[in-house]
Protein backbone atom coordinates (compact mmCIF):
# COMPACT_ATOMS: atom_id res chain seq x y z
CA MET A 1 -0.31 0.02 -0.36
CA LYS A 2 1.48 3.28 -1.20
CA ILE A 3 0.49 6.29 0.81
CA THR A 4 0.95 9.59 -1.32
CA HIS A 5 -1.11 12.08 0.51
CA LEU A 6 -0.10 12.76 3.80
CA GLY A 7 -1.38 16.26 5.41
CA PRO A 8 0.39 18.73 7.29
CA GLY A 9 -1.90 17.51 10.25
CA VAL A 10 -0.92 14.49 10.32
CA ILE A 11 2.85 15.16 10.48
CA ASP A 12 2.57 17.79 13.24
CA LEU A 13 0.11 14.71 15.02
CA TYR A 14 3.32 12.16 14.61
CA LYS A 15 5.60 14.44 15.70
CA THR A 16 3.79 15.44 18.67
CA TRP A 17 3.13 11.91 19.43
CA ASN A 18 6.60 11.47 19.31
CA GLU A 19 7.75 13.59 21.19
CA LYS A 20 4.91 13.04 23.96
CA ASN A 21 6.13 9.18 24.04
CA ARG A 22 9.83 10.80 24.02
CA GLU A 23 9.31 13.09 27.62
CA ILE A 24 7.29 10.34 28.94
CA LYS A 25 10.27 7.78 28.50
CA GLN A 26 12.76 9.99 29.84
CA GLU A 27 10.61 10.53 33.42
CA GLN A 28 9.92 6.75 33.76
CA GLY A 29 13.77 6.30 33.30
CA LYS A 30 14.45 8.35 36.21
CA PRO A 31 14.62 6.16 39.37
CA GLU A 32 13.49 7.46 42.63
CA GLN A 33 15.86 7.80 45.59
CA ASP A 34 15.57 5.31 48.28
CA ARG A 35 14.84 7.17 51.22
CA ALA A 36 15.65 5.69 55.15
CA GLU A 37 14.17 7.34 58.05
CA ILE A 38 15.69 6.80 61.28
CA SER A 39 13.33 6.97 64.45
CA PRO A 40 14.14 9.15 67.35
CA GLY A 41 14.47 6.12 69.65
CA ALA A 42 16.83 4.34 67.17
CA ARG A 43 19.24 7.47 67.34
CA GLU A 44 19.29 7.23 70.68
CA MET A 45 19.82 3.42 70.54
CA LEU A 46 22.63 4.73 67.89
CA ALA A 47 24.33 7.50 70.15
CA TYR A 48 24.66 4.45 73.17
CA ARG A 49 26.29 2.18 71.15
CA ALA A 50 28.54 4.70 69.99
CA MET A 51 29.68 5.63 73.76
CA LEU A 52 29.99 1.74 74.27
CA LYS A 53 32.31 1.43 71.73
CA GLU A 54 34.47 4.13 73.23
CA MET A 55 34.52 2.30 76.55
CA PRO A 56 37.42 0.03 77.23
CA GLY A 57 36.95 -3.83 77.86
CA ILE A 58 39.05 -4.04 80.37
CA ARG A 59 41.56 -1.70 81.39
CA GLN A 60 44.73 -3.48 82.48
CA ASP A 61 46.10 -0.45 84.12
CA LYS A 62 43.23 -0.25 86.60
CA VAL A 63 43.83 -4.03 87.37
CA GLU A 64 47.09 -3.98 88.33
CA GLU A 65 46.40 -0.77 90.16
CA ILE A 66 43.86 -2.40 92.15
CA LYS A 67 45.73 -5.69 92.66
CA ALA A 68 49.12 -3.83 93.88
CA ARG A 69 46.39 -2.05 96.97
CA ILE A 70 44.77 -5.56 97.54
CA ASN A 71 48.48 -6.53 98.06
CA ASN A 72 49.91 -3.86 100.11
CA GLY A 73 46.66 -3.50 102.04
CA THR A 74 45.77 0.06 100.91
CA TYR A 75 42.49 -0.81 99.47
CA THR A 76 39.10 0.46 100.22
CA ILE A 77 35.77 -0.29 99.25
CA SER A 78 33.86 2.63 98.76
CA GLU A 79 29.97 1.25 98.43
CA GLU A 80 28.83 4.96 97.38
CA LYS A 81 31.10 4.29 94.19
CA ILE A 82 29.96 0.38 94.04
CA ALA A 83 25.95 1.81 93.96
CA GLU A 84 26.93 3.88 91.46
CA GLY A 85 28.52 1.64 89.24
CA MET A 86 25.14 -1.08 89.76
CA ILE A 87 23.43 1.67 88.64
CA ARG A 88 25.23 3.09 85.93
CA GLU A 89 25.14 -0.76 84.61
CA GLY A 90 21.68 -1.41 85.04
CA ALA A 91 20.73 1.48 82.94
CA ALA A 92 23.17 0.52 80.17
CA GLY A 93 21.66 -2.99 80.64
CA THR A 94 18.15 -1.53 79.93
CA VAL A 95 19.30 0.50 77.05
CA LEU A 96 20.99 -2.68 75.22
CA GLY A 97 18.04 -4.60 75.67
CA GLN A 98 19.08 -6.88 78.39
CA LYS A 99 17.26 -7.96 81.85
CA GLY A 100 19.65 -7.77 84.93
């Protein structure tokens, strides 16, 4: 089949249709960026985790100092410091989800 006469309206219509399709394809080709939101509670937990990572596991210098004081008989126990440590560790256990 041979088409000999295409009026200006048909060619304009084709060009318009082709441009719209190109725009649609360009819009569809743009991927949306992924997004993540962190809740305030999770942010707080991350802050506590960061603090825990900064804390040393075992402070060997303190262990040696206390051993020497025990052997010399100069080591005294402070009930207040023990209670403060227990409270502090209990709070840390609550943050980490451990039951104490």
